[in-house]
Protein backbone atom coordinates (compact mmCIF):
# COMPACT_ATOMS: atom_id res chain seq x y z
CA MET A 1 172.20 147.23 59.08
CA GLU A 2 172.04 148.53 62.85
CA LEU A 3 173.92 146.98 65.68
CA GLN A 4 171.07 145.71 67.37
CA ASN A 5 169.42 143.95 64.52
CA TRP A 6 173.03 141.99 64.07
CA ILE A 7 172.70 141.07 67.20
CA TRP A 8 169.59 139.74 67.63
CA ILE A 9 170.62 137.57 64.12
CA THR A 10 173.79 136.07 66.10
CA VAL A 11 172.43 135.42 69.23
CA GLY A 12 169.05 133.88 68.01
CA LEU A 13 170.84 131.81 65.71
CA SER A 14 173.83 130.92 68.23
CA PHE A 15 170.89 130.07 70.73
CA THR A 16 168.98 128.05 68.14
CA LEU A 17 171.89 125.88 67.26
CA TYR A 18 172.44 125.18 71.47
CA ILE A 19 168.89 123.89 71.81
CA ALA A 20 168.53 122.06 68.89
CA ILE A 21 171.51 120.25 69.53
CA ALA A 22 170.18 119.66 73.07
CA ILE A 23 167.18 118.04 71.63
CA MET A 24 169.05 115.43 68.91
CA THR A 25 171.62 114.67 71.68
CA ARG A 26 169.29 114.17 75.17
CA ALA A 27 170.22 112.13 77.95
CA SER A 28 167.96 108.87 77.72
CA SER A 29 170.02 107.34 81.02
CA THR A 30 172.05 108.03 83.99
CA GLY A 31 175.19 107.30 82.43
CA GLU A 32 174.05 109.72 79.45
CA PHE A 33 173.30 112.43 82.11
CA TYR A 34 176.23 112.34 83.89
CA ILE A 35 179.49 111.22 81.63
CA ALA A 36 177.53 111.19 78.23
CA GLY A 37 177.44 107.18 78.23
CA LYS A 38 182.05 107.65 77.61
CA GLY A 39 181.35 107.69 74.24
CA VAL A 40 183.11 111.19 73.37
CA PRO A 41 185.80 111.45 70.61
CA PRO A 42 188.69 112.93 71.42
CA ILE A 43 188.81 115.75 69.44
CA ALA A 44 184.96 116.61 70.37
CA ASN A 45 185.90 116.11 74.34
CA GLY A 46 188.98 118.35 73.64
CA MET A 47 187.01 121.17 72.27
CA ALA A 48 184.34 120.43 74.84
CA THR A 49 186.44 120.75 77.31
CA ALA A 50 188.34 124.05 75.92
CA ALA A 51 184.81 125.54 75.98
CA ASP A 52 184.25 124.35 79.27
CA TRP A 53 187.20 125.89 80.81
CA MET A 54 187.06 128.75 78.86
CA SER A 55 184.55 130.89 81.02
CA ALA A 56 183.54 134.21 81.41
CA ALA A 57 186.60 135.06 83.20
CA SER A 58 188.90 134.01 80.26
CA PHE A 59 186.65 135.56 77.29
CA ILE A 60 185.61 138.59 79.25
CA SER A 61 187.64 139.37 82.24
CA MET A 62 191.23 137.81 82.08
CA ALA A 63 192.04 140.67 79.34
CA GLY A 64 190.02 143.12 80.89
CA ILE A 65 192.28 142.62 84.24
CA ILE A 66 194.88 142.39 82.62
CA SER A 67 194.22 145.71 80.79
CA PHE A 68 194.05 147.14 84.41
CA ASN A 69 197.02 145.34 85.83
CA GLY A 70 199.52 144.96 83.34
CA TYR A 71 202.26 142.52 84.76
CA ASP A 72 200.42 141.75 88.07
CA GLY A 73 197.62 140.55 85.80
CA SER A 74 199.27 137.91 84.15
CA VAL A 75 199.23 135.92 87.21
CA TYR A 76 196.02 134.59 85.94
CA LEU A 77 197.04 133.97 82.69
CA MET A 78 200.03 131.73 84.12
CA GLY A 79 197.89 130.57 86.64
CA TRP A 80 195.22 128.80 84.53
CA THR A 81 197.48 127.79 81.69
CA GLY A 82 200.18 125.95 83.90
CA GLY A 83 196.73 124.46 85.55
CA TYR A 84 195.50 122.97 82.68
CA VAL A 85 198.56 121.42 81.94
CA LEU A 86 198.79 120.27 85.47
CA LEU A 87 195.65 118.79 85.53
CA ALA A 88 196.38 116.85 82.15
CA LEU A 89 199.62 115.45 83.10
CA LEU A 90 199.34 114.66 86.71
CA LEU A 91 195.18 114.15 87.27
CA ALA A 92 193.45 112.79 84.01
CA PRO A 93 194.49 109.44 83.05
CA TYR A 94 194.43 108.31 86.43
CA LEU A 95 190.94 109.63 87.13
CA ARG A 96 189.73 108.30 84.14
CA LYS A 97 191.16 104.86 84.92
CA PHE A 98 188.82 105.35 88.13
CA GLY A 99 186.12 105.61 85.75
CA LYS A 100 183.08 106.69 88.41
CA PHE A 101 180.79 109.36 87.23
CA THR A 102 182.08 112.44 89.53
CA VAL A 103 184.63 113.73 91.91
CA PRO A 104 183.05 113.04 94.80
CA ASP A 105 182.43 109.55 93.95
CA PHE A 106 186.10 108.94 93.42
CA ILE A 107 187.05 110.72 97.30
CA GLY A 108 183.92 108.04 98.88
CA ASP A 109 185.32 104.82 97.35
CA ARG A 110 189.08 105.79 97.24
CA TYR A 111 188.68 106.53 101.21
CA TYR A 112 185.92 104.07 101.54
CA SER A 113 183.54 106.29 103.42
CA ASN A 114 180.41 108.07 102.98
CA VAL A 115 181.46 110.75 105.45
CA ALA A 116 184.53 111.70 102.58
CA ARG A 117 181.77 111.49 99.78
CA GLY A 118 179.54 113.80 102.11
CA VAL A 119 182.78 116.12 102.65
CA ALA A 120 183.49 116.25 98.60
CA VAL A 121 179.79 116.72 97.89
CA PHE A 122 179.96 119.51 100.38
CA CYS A 123 183.13 120.97 98.94
CA ALA A 124 181.85 120.59 95.48
CA LEU A 125 179.08 122.46 96.01
CA ILE A 126 180.52 125.39 97.52
CA VAL A 127 183.10 125.36 94.84
CA SER A 128 180.67 125.20 92.09
CA PHE A 129 178.47 127.65 93.20
CA THR A 130 181.30 130.33 93.81
CA TYR A 131 182.32 129.91 90.05
CA ILE A 132 178.84 129.90 88.43
CA ALA A 133 178.48 133.03 89.77
CA GLY A 134 181.39 134.67 87.72
CA GLN A 135 179.27 132.49 84.87
CA MET A 136 175.78 134.42 85.66
CA ARG A 137 177.32 137.83 86.29
CA GLY A 138 179.00 137.55 82.68
CA VAL A 139 175.83 136.86 80.92
CA GLY A 140 173.88 139.55 82.92
CA VAL A 141 177.24 141.83 81.61
CA VAL A 142 176.45 140.84 78.10
CA PHE A 143 172.83 140.73 78.07
CA SER A 144 172.18 144.51 79.74
CA ARG A 145 174.54 145.73 76.83
CA TYR A 146 173.95 144.26 73.80
CA LEU A 147 169.98 142.79 74.26
CA GLU A 148 169.40 146.71 76.23
CA VAL A 149 168.73 144.96 79.70
CA ASP A 150 169.57 145.66 83.26
CA ILE A 151 171.68 142.97 84.90
CA THR A 152 169.17 141.02 86.49
CA SER A 153 167.08 140.69 83.48
CA GLY A 154 170.07 139.79 81.46
CA VAL A 155 170.76 136.82 84.21
CA LEU A 156 167.62 136.04 84.32
CA ILE A 157 167.19 135.30 80.52
CA GLY A 158 170.82 133.49 80.25
CA MET A 159 169.77 131.15 83.32
CA LEU A 160 166.57 130.10 81.33
CA ILE A 161 168.71 128.97 78.41
CA VAL A 162 171.02 127.03 80.05
CA LEU A 163 168.39 125.33 82.13
CA PHE A 164 167.03 123.98 78.87
CA TYR A 165 169.86 122.29 77.43
CA ALA A 166 171.72 121.41 81.18
CA VAL A 167 168.34 119.65 82.31
CA LEU A 168 167.22 118.04 78.80
CA GLY A 169 170.67 116.64 77.37
CA GLY A 170 173.03 116.05 81.01
CA MET A 171 176.48 115.55 80.15
CA LYS A 172 175.68 114.14 76.73
CA GLY A 173 173.76 117.29 75.55
CA ILE A 174 176.08 119.71 77.16
CA THR A 175 179.27 117.93 75.66
CA TYR A 176 177.80 118.59 71.97
CA THR A 177 176.82 121.73 72.38
CA GLN A 178 179.50 122.76 74.09
CA VAL A 179 181.77 121.60 70.92
CA ALA A 180 179.34 124.52 69.14
CA GLN A 181 179.80 127.35 71.92
CA TYR A 182 183.86 126.61 71.68
CA CYS A 183 183.70 127.43 67.39
CA VAL A 184 181.40 130.71 68.51
CA LEU A 185 183.67 131.83 71.50
CA ILE A 186 186.61 131.29 69.54
CA PHE A 187 185.90 133.76 66.15
CA ALA A 188 184.13 136.08 68.23
CA PHE A 189 187.35 136.69 70.61
CA MET A 190 189.83 136.29 67.60
CA LEU A 191 188.12 138.39 64.55
CA PRO A 192 187.88 141.68 66.53
CA ALA A 193 191.85 140.92 68.04
CA ILE A 194 192.76 140.60 63.99
CA PHE A 195 191.20 143.41 63.04
CA ILE A 196 192.64 145.67 65.50
CA SER A 197 196.29 144.01 65.50
CA PHE A 198 196.14 144.53 61.35
CA MET A 199 194.55 148.31 61.92
CA VAL A 200 196.98 149.40 64.61
CA THR A 201 200.25 147.66 63.47
CA GLY A 202 199.71 145.96 59.66
CA ASN A 203 200.10 142.87 61.36
CA VAL A 204 196.99 140.28 61.60
CA ILE A 205 198.70 137.94 64.01
CA PRO A 206 197.72 139.48 67.17
CA GLN A 207 200.31 137.42 69.57
CA ILE A 208 203.14 139.48 67.14
CA GLY A 209 200.95 142.37 66.73
CA PHE A 210 200.64 143.79 70.52
CA GLY A 211 204.54 143.49 70.65
CA SER A 212 204.77 145.62 67.08
CA ALA A 213 204.82 149.31 66.53
CA GLY A 214 202.59 151.01 65.39
CA SER A 215 201.79 153.63 62.48
CA ASP A 216 204.12 156.30 64.35
CA GLY A 217 207.02 153.69 65.06
CA VAL A 218 206.37 153.66 68.60
CA TYR A 219 206.01 150.02 69.96
CA LEU A 220 202.67 149.63 71.91
CA LEU A 221 203.78 148.71 74.52
CA ASP A 222 206.44 151.72 75.07
CA LYS A 223 203.30 153.83 74.37
CA LEU A 224 201.05 152.53 77.04
CA ASP A 225 203.70 152.85 79.21
CA GLY A 226 204.08 156.25 78.49
CA LEU A 227 200.00 156.88 78.78
CA GLN A 228 200.08 154.82 82.25
CA ARG A 229 202.72 157.31 83.75
CA GLU A 230 201.02 160.47 82.38
CA LEU A 231 197.85 159.85 83.95
CA GLY A 232 199.55 158.71 87.15
CA PHE A 233 198.92 155.29 87.12
CA HIS A 234 201.73 152.15 87.37
CA GLU A 235 203.43 151.48 84.31
CA TYR A 236 201.81 148.77 82.24
CA THR A 237 204.84 146.08 82.37
CA SER A 238 205.52 146.85 85.75
CA GLY A 239 203.89 144.92 89.14
CA ARG A 240 202.50 146.52 92.57
CA LYS A 241 202.00 142.84 93.82
CA SER A 242 204.20 141.60 96.40
CA ARG A 243 206.20 138.44 94.82
CA LEU A 244 204.60 136.32 97.65
CA ASP A 245 201.13 137.23 96.79
CA VAL A 246 201.99 136.90 92.90
CA PHE A 247 203.18 133.39 93.68
CA LEU A 248 200.25 132.52 95.43
CA ILE A 249 197.67 133.18 93.55
CA THR A 250 199.42 131.86 90.72
CA ALA A 251 199.82 128.63 92.52
CA ALA A 252 196.19 128.74 93.89
CA LEU A 253 194.65 129.16 90.47
CA MET A 254 197.13 126.17 89.20
CA VAL A 255 196.40 123.77 91.78
CA GLY A 256 193.17 125.03 92.27
CA THR A 257 192.44 124.11 88.32
CA ALA A 258 193.68 120.64 88.90
CA GLY A 259 191.28 120.12 91.78
CA LEU A 260 187.85 121.81 89.55
CA PRO A 261 185.15 119.09 89.55
CA HIS A 262 183.49 120.07 85.91
CA VAL A 263 186.95 120.01 84.55
CA ILE A 264 187.82 116.78 85.80
CA VAL A 265 184.66 115.34 84.59
CA ARG A 266 185.27 116.15 81.35
CA PHE A 267 188.20 113.33 81.39
CA PHE A 268 185.35 110.64 82.44
CA THR A 269 183.22 110.90 79.24
CA VAL A 270 185.86 109.16 76.80
CA LYS A 271 186.17 105.30 76.53
CA LYS A 272 189.52 104.83 77.72
CA VAL A 273 192.37 106.37 78.80
CA SER A 274 194.18 107.14 76.12
CA ASP A 275 191.11 108.47 74.69
CA ALA A 276 191.42 110.65 77.95
CA ARG A 277 195.26 112.25 76.92
CA LYS A 278 194.36 112.48 73.68
CA SER A 279 191.36 114.59 74.45
CA ALA A 280 194.14 116.56 76.77
CA GLY A 281 196.43 117.78 74.10
CA TRP A 282 193.57 118.91 72.06
CA ALA A 283 192.21 120.90 74.41
CA LEU A 284 195.40 122.48 75.72
CA LEU A 285 195.58 123.23 71.80
CA PHE A 286 192.51 124.78 71.57
CA ILE A 287 192.60 126.96 74.81
CA ALA A 288 195.95 128.24 73.80
CA ILE A 289 194.37 130.09 70.67
CA LEU A 290 192.80 132.36 73.49
CA TYR A 291 195.17 132.35 76.18
CA THR A 292 198.19 133.42 73.91
CA THR A 293 195.96 136.44 72.00
CA ALA A 294 194.36 137.60 75.86
CA PRO A 295 197.35 139.94 76.49
CA ALA A 296 197.05 141.51 73.05
CA VAL A 297 193.35 142.33 72.79
CA ALA A 298 194.07 143.90 76.72
CA VAL A 299 196.92 146.21 75.08
CA PHE A 300 194.64 147.63 72.58
CA SER A 301 191.63 147.41 74.64
CA ARG A 302 193.46 149.73 77.36
CA THR A 303 195.44 151.76 74.61
CA ASN A 304 192.38 152.70 72.71
CA LEU A 305 190.49 153.41 75.91
CA ILE A 306 192.50 156.08 77.07
CA GLU A 307 193.19 157.59 73.61
CA THR A 308 189.60 157.80 73.52
CA VAL A 309 188.29 159.11 76.45
CA SER A 310 190.74 160.63 78.27
CA ASN A 311 191.11 164.90 78.77
CA LYS A 312 188.30 164.70 75.65
CA ALA A 313 185.23 166.61 75.87
CA TYR A 314 182.07 164.04 77.38
CA ALA A 315 179.71 165.86 75.04
CA ALA A 316 182.03 164.56 71.98
CA LEU A 317 182.31 161.31 73.09
CA PRO A 318 181.25 158.70 70.57
CA GLU A 319 178.05 156.73 70.66
CA TRP A 320 179.65 153.25 72.57
CA PHE A 321 180.44 155.22 75.73
CA ASP A 322 176.36 156.32 76.20
CA LYS A 323 175.69 152.92 75.59
CA TRP A 324 177.74 151.26 77.67
CA GLU A 325 177.25 154.33 80.57
CA ALA A 326 173.71 152.98 80.30
CA THR A 327 174.58 149.81 82.11
CA GLY A 328 176.68 151.50 84.76
CA LEU A 329 179.85 150.01 84.32
CA ILE A 330 181.22 152.92 83.28
CA SER A 331 180.38 156.16 84.88
CA TYR A 332 181.51 159.96 84.52
CA GLU A 333 181.02 162.59 87.07
CA ASP A 334 182.53 166.11 85.94
CA LYS A 335 184.04 167.25 89.07
CA ASN A 336 185.78 170.11 88.22
CA GLN A 337 182.66 171.49 85.83
CA ASP A 338 184.68 171.59 82.86
CA GLY A 339 182.98 169.11 80.44
CA LEU A 340 186.06 167.27 80.05
CA VAL A 341 187.03 163.86 80.71
CA GLN A 342 189.87 163.58 83.73
CA TYR A 343 190.93 159.78 83.63
CA VAL A 344 193.62 159.92 85.76
CA ALA A 345 194.94 157.94 89.20
CA ASP A 346 193.82 160.17 91.72
CA PRO A 347 190.33 159.21 93.22
CA LYS A 348 190.12 162.95 94.01
CA ILE A 349 190.90 164.38 90.59
CA ASN A 350 189.41 161.09 88.60
CA GLU A 351 186.02 161.43 86.86
CA LEU A 352 185.62 158.16 85.01
CA LYS A 353 184.97 154.76 86.75
CA VAL A 354 185.19 151.75 84.27
CA ASP A 355 184.38 148.26 85.25
CA ALA A 356 187.35 145.99 84.06
CA ASP A 357 184.15 143.32 82.47
CA ILE A 358 183.30 145.52 79.66
CA MET A 359 187.20 145.70 78.00
CA VAL A 360 187.12 143.12 76.06
CA LEU A 361 183.29 143.47 74.57
CA ALA A 362 183.54 147.35 74.03
CA ASN A 363 186.88 147.25 72.65
CA PRO A 364 184.92 146.28 68.95
CA GLU A 365 182.75 149.48 69.88
CA ILE A 366 186.11 151.45 70.65
CA ALA A 367 187.86 150.70 67.67
CA ASP A 368 184.82 151.28 65.77
CA LEU A 369 184.94 147.63 63.73
CA PRO A 370 181.91 147.09 61.75
CA ASN A 371 178.45 146.13 63.68
CA TRP A 372 178.61 142.70 62.71
CA VAL A 373 182.24 141.86 64.42
CA ILE A 374 180.15 143.37 67.44
CA ALA A 375 177.28 141.34 67.21
CA ILE A 376 179.54 138.22 67.03
CA MET A 377 181.51 139.28 69.63
CA ALA A 378 178.14 139.13 71.89
CA ALA A 379 177.73 135.73 70.83
CA GLY A 380 180.72 134.54 72.06
CA ALA A 381 180.93 135.82 74.71
CA LEU A 382 177.28 134.69 76.04
CA ALA A 383 178.61 131.23 74.46
CA ALA A 384 182.13 131.22 76.82
CA ALA A 385 179.44 132.15 80.14
CA LEU A 386 176.54 129.49 79.12
CA SER A 387 179.27 126.30 78.36
CA THR A 388 181.04 126.74 81.73
CA ALA A 389 177.56 127.45 83.79
CA ALA A 390 176.13 124.42 81.92
CA GLY A 391 178.91 122.19 83.12
CA LEU A 392 178.56 123.34 86.86
CA LEU A 393 175.30 122.80 86.91
CA LEU A 394 176.00 119.32 85.63
CA VAL A 395 178.52 119.14 88.30
CA ILE A 396 176.18 120.51 91.32
CA SER A 397 173.19 118.18 89.97
CA SER A 398 175.05 114.73 90.13
CA SER A 399 176.39 115.95 93.39
CA VAL A 400 173.07 116.05 94.89
CA SER A 401 170.79 113.25 92.97
CA HIS A 402 173.96 110.42 92.51
CA ASP A 403 176.52 111.28 95.39
CA LEU A 404 173.89 112.56 98.10
CA ILE A 405 170.78 110.77 97.34
CA LYS A 406 172.20 107.08 95.19
CA LYS A 407 175.24 106.92 97.24
CA MET A 408 174.37 107.79 100.80
CA ILE A 409 170.46 108.84 101.31
CA LYS A 410 168.56 106.13 99.24
CA PRO A 411 170.58 103.42 97.35
CA ASP A 412 167.86 101.49 96.26
CA VAL A 413 166.39 104.87 93.92
CA SER A 414 165.62 103.46 90.61
CA GLU A 415 167.65 104.57 87.43
CA LYS A 416 164.59 107.22 86.52
CA GLY A 417 164.17 108.12 89.93
CA GLU A 418 167.85 108.97 90.14
CA LEU A 419 167.41 111.15 86.63
CA ILE A 420 164.44 112.90 87.99
CA ALA A 421 166.31 114.14 91.03
CA ALA A 422 169.47 115.14 89.18
CA ARG A 423 167.36 117.03 86.82
CA LEU A 424 165.45 118.71 89.84
CA SER A 425 168.70 119.73 91.21
CA ALA A 426 169.96 121.25 88.11
CA VAL A 427 166.71 123.27 88.27
CA GLY A 428 167.52 124.44 92.07
CA ALA A 429 170.79 124.60 91.02
CA VAL A 430 170.38 127.54 88.57
CA MET A 431 168.01 129.57 90.62
CA LEU A 432 170.49 129.70 93.22
CA ALA A 433 172.95 130.58 91.00
CA ALA A 434 171.22 133.43 89.43
CA TYR A 435 170.94 134.85 92.74
CA PHE A 436 174.53 134.75 92.85
CA GLY A 437 174.91 135.95 89.72
CA ILE A 438 173.30 139.33 90.32
CA ASN A 439 174.72 139.36 93.29
CA PRO A 440 178.21 138.51 92.78
CA PRO A 441 181.41 139.11 95.59
CA GLY A 442 183.29 141.15 92.71
CA PHE A 443 183.82 141.34 88.92
CA VAL A 444 184.12 138.34 86.63
CA ALA A 445 187.72 137.47 87.18
CA ALA A 446 187.84 137.68 90.81
CA THR A 447 185.06 135.62 91.81
CA VAL A 448 186.07 132.82 89.48
CA ALA A 449 189.71 133.25 90.87
CA LEU A 450 188.09 132.33 94.50
CA ALA A 451 186.54 129.22 93.04
CA PHE A 452 190.30 128.23 92.60
CA GLY A 453 191.28 128.77 95.77
CA LEU A 454 188.79 126.73 97.22
CA ALA A 455 189.12 124.06 94.64
CA ALA A 456 192.90 123.98 95.82
CA ALA A 457 192.42 124.39 99.51
CA SER A 458 189.78 120.96 99.22
CA PHE A 459 190.32 118.46 96.37
CA PHE A 460 193.57 119.19 95.13
CA PRO A 461 195.47 117.38 98.08
CA ALA A 462 193.00 114.61 98.75
CA ILE A 463 193.05 113.44 94.89
CA VAL A 464 196.80 113.85 94.63
CA MET A 465 197.12 111.43 97.71
CA GLY A 466 194.52 109.27 96.67
CA ILE A 467 196.02 108.34 93.30
CA PHE A 468 200.06 108.49 95.03
CA SER A 469 199.59 107.63 97.94
CA LYS A 470 198.50 104.04 99.50
CA LYS A 471 198.48 105.02 102.96
CA MET A 472 196.42 107.78 102.98
CA ASN A 473 193.33 107.09 104.84
CA LYS A 474 190.20 108.73 105.57
CA GLU A 475 190.34 110.13 108.54
CA GLY A 476 193.45 111.95 106.82
CA ALA A 477 192.04 112.81 103.70
CA VAL A 478 188.26 114.09 105.78
CA SER A 479 190.19 116.12 108.30
CA GLY A 480 192.43 117.83 105.65
CA MET A 481 189.23 118.84 102.92
CA LEU A 482 187.63 120.14 106.11
CA VAL A 483 190.37 122.52 107.53
CA GLY A 484 191.11 123.25 103.91
CA ILE A 485 187.75 124.41 102.94
CA LEU A 486 186.55 126.07 106.04
CA LEU A 487 189.74 128.16 106.73
CA MET A 488 189.61 129.00 102.78
CA LEU A 489 185.97 130.34 103.63
CA PHE A 490 186.65 131.95 106.39
CA TYR A 491 189.69 134.20 104.91
CA MET A 492 187.42 134.67 101.71
CA THR A 493 184.23 135.84 103.86
CA LYS A 494 186.03 137.70 105.87
CA PHE A 495 188.47 140.00 103.05
CA LYS A 496 185.71 140.05 100.26
CA PHE A 497 182.36 140.48 102.72
CA GLY A 498 183.72 141.74 105.66
CA TRP A 499 182.59 139.30 108.27
CA PHE A 500 184.55 138.06 111.15
CA GLY A 501 185.65 141.82 111.69
CA GLY A 502 186.97 141.88 108.52
CA GLY A 503 189.34 145.26 106.79
CA ASP A 504 191.12 146.07 103.78
CA ASP A 505 194.26 144.83 102.52
CA LYS A 506 196.64 145.99 105.03
CA ASP A 507 195.12 143.49 107.30
CA TRP A 508 195.65 140.54 104.74
CA TRP A 509 197.78 137.42 106.89
CA LEU A 510 201.18 138.15 105.49
CA GLY A 511 200.21 140.05 102.88
CA ILE A 512 198.36 137.42 101.48
CA SER A 513 195.41 138.10 99.46
CA PRO A 514 192.04 136.28 99.26
CA GLU A 515 192.75 134.88 95.85
CA GLY A 516 195.90 133.18 96.95
CA PHE A 517 195.17 132.08 100.45
CA GLY A 518 193.93 129.22 98.43
CA SER A 519 197.50 128.17 98.49
CA PHE A 520 197.86 128.66 102.00
CA ALA A 521 195.17 126.34 102.79
CA MET A 522 196.05 123.63 100.20
CA LEU A 523 199.04 123.90 102.27
CA LEU A 524 197.75 123.23 105.57
CA ASN A 525 195.37 120.43 104.05
CA PHE A 526 198.63 118.56 103.05
CA VAL A 527 199.98 118.76 106.74
CA VAL A 528 197.03 118.11 108.47
CA SER A 529 195.92 114.88 106.05
CA ILE A 530 199.64 113.46 106.22
CA THR A 531 199.63 114.21 110.17
CA VAL A 532 196.41 112.23 111.04
CA SER A 533 197.37 109.88 108.69
CA LYS A 534 199.81 108.96 110.49
CA PHE A 535 198.34 108.29 113.62
CA THR A 536 195.54 106.43 112.24
CA PRO A 537 194.66 102.95 110.87
CA ALA A 538 196.42 102.49 107.50
CA PRO A 539 193.63 101.65 104.55
CA ASP A 540 192.87 97.59 103.89
CA SER A 541 194.93 95.86 101.18
CA GLU A 542 191.37 96.25 99.10
CA ILE A 543 192.35 100.17 99.07
CA GLN A 544 195.70 100.03 98.41
CA LYS A 545 194.95 97.49 95.27
CA LEU A 546 192.76 100.04 94.08
CA VAL A 547 195.36 102.50 94.28
CA GLU A 548 198.22 100.40 92.38
CA ASN A 549 194.99 99.88 89.56
CA ILE A 550 194.73 103.19 89.06
CA ARG A 551 198.59 104.34 88.90
CA ASN A 552 198.91 102.18 85.58
CA PRO A 553 196.82 104.25 83.50
CA ASP A 554 197.82 102.48 80.25
CA GLU A 555 196.27 99.46 80.94
CA ASP A 556 192.45 100.21 79.34
């Protein structure tokens, strides 16, 4: 069967499944819309959390950036994995014990202030919109290749699908849709990896295969290092970033994870604190399947790409190259007019430009796998992007309807009115998200990394001190969040968008990249929060008792 027919079948069936689940599990109350009525079983919540967590950045872009940056790209792998462990052990049980709908709800009540709540809403919206831009970009990349439409049209199609089941089902519908999406995305990610690992090394386990020798007896990593050296690229297994920047990026990704509103809210959907712990364990297991496979996919895809196109006649390149070239994500310019593809590190000589976001998606085609495998990859990539986009849309809509309207602007709004406001907020959010998806500040992983930096700079200190410090007050928390988020926004826009006279990487402060600057802004948040709290009144006894109660999470 033709590839396009396979794609329409797999994508059509998966979308039908998602929509059917949304209809069957549609929310009928604000409790179901915001936190699925606190009735999700731990294993289902673990699977939904994994799907929410493994976004387009994890599925599409993480292996891509590792394949191009090698050792330096491992910061994403270490930071995101370590961050989830940090969230599961340090924050999830305590936040579940608190039992509110949203992170701004926790901030507002813990710091007994609508000002704190408002600042938290602002931070949640900034983080979520930055994050969702990467997801919608991922949707556009997949649609542009597999459905053969431009990226803008792809984003708009994805927007309509997400809008339907996010607005209709709320958290209840999203949760069970994400369970299905996890099954689709993990199968789609693992299947090509297993195929290629067996073809190249004879080992069906990718995690072992990429560290093994190929049919020529040469270890794959040694072979890739040699190919990189021949083309003038840095060795795959060596790094170029400074140790400070590597450390700060990893730290920003870790603590940013622990401050992501759309991940934290998943622990509010289970019945009790012990279930939050169980679902965290299940989620970590489900996440590890993909994260331990990503380095193998990176090695396979990079090696296949170099061997397939480097120094080959452009006219004789396989069909997959033409298909991806039509998307604009890979391009060739014959600078020396010899008809051969010169793929080298020197930009003056190099004739091939490759977007890192295509590496995972194009990998099955480069390896000449069957069409049905390629079609399943397309369905999996869409599942990854749509699952996280839905979770983020819910955070945005709940921040507006519950935290802003219900808690601050119109406390007497009816439950029906609040539910309508939540759905209207989701509609507005998805339209704005589509714009950012069409005009993102970078490739998917880099865009998402900025969201983690923003979360680290704003939420993490306020949440940690809100749980573990009885003396932290509203003045300290608000001051710290504002300083952290504004400083991170300034640095991000300066060096990513060129605002405020921004320059290139030579002008970075202390050599810190925008992706790693969230760690610095987070430390400043801590310093400002603690300093301000020392010179302002401590919380009253009721708030301090509340903190003591939160810190006994085993008391359901």
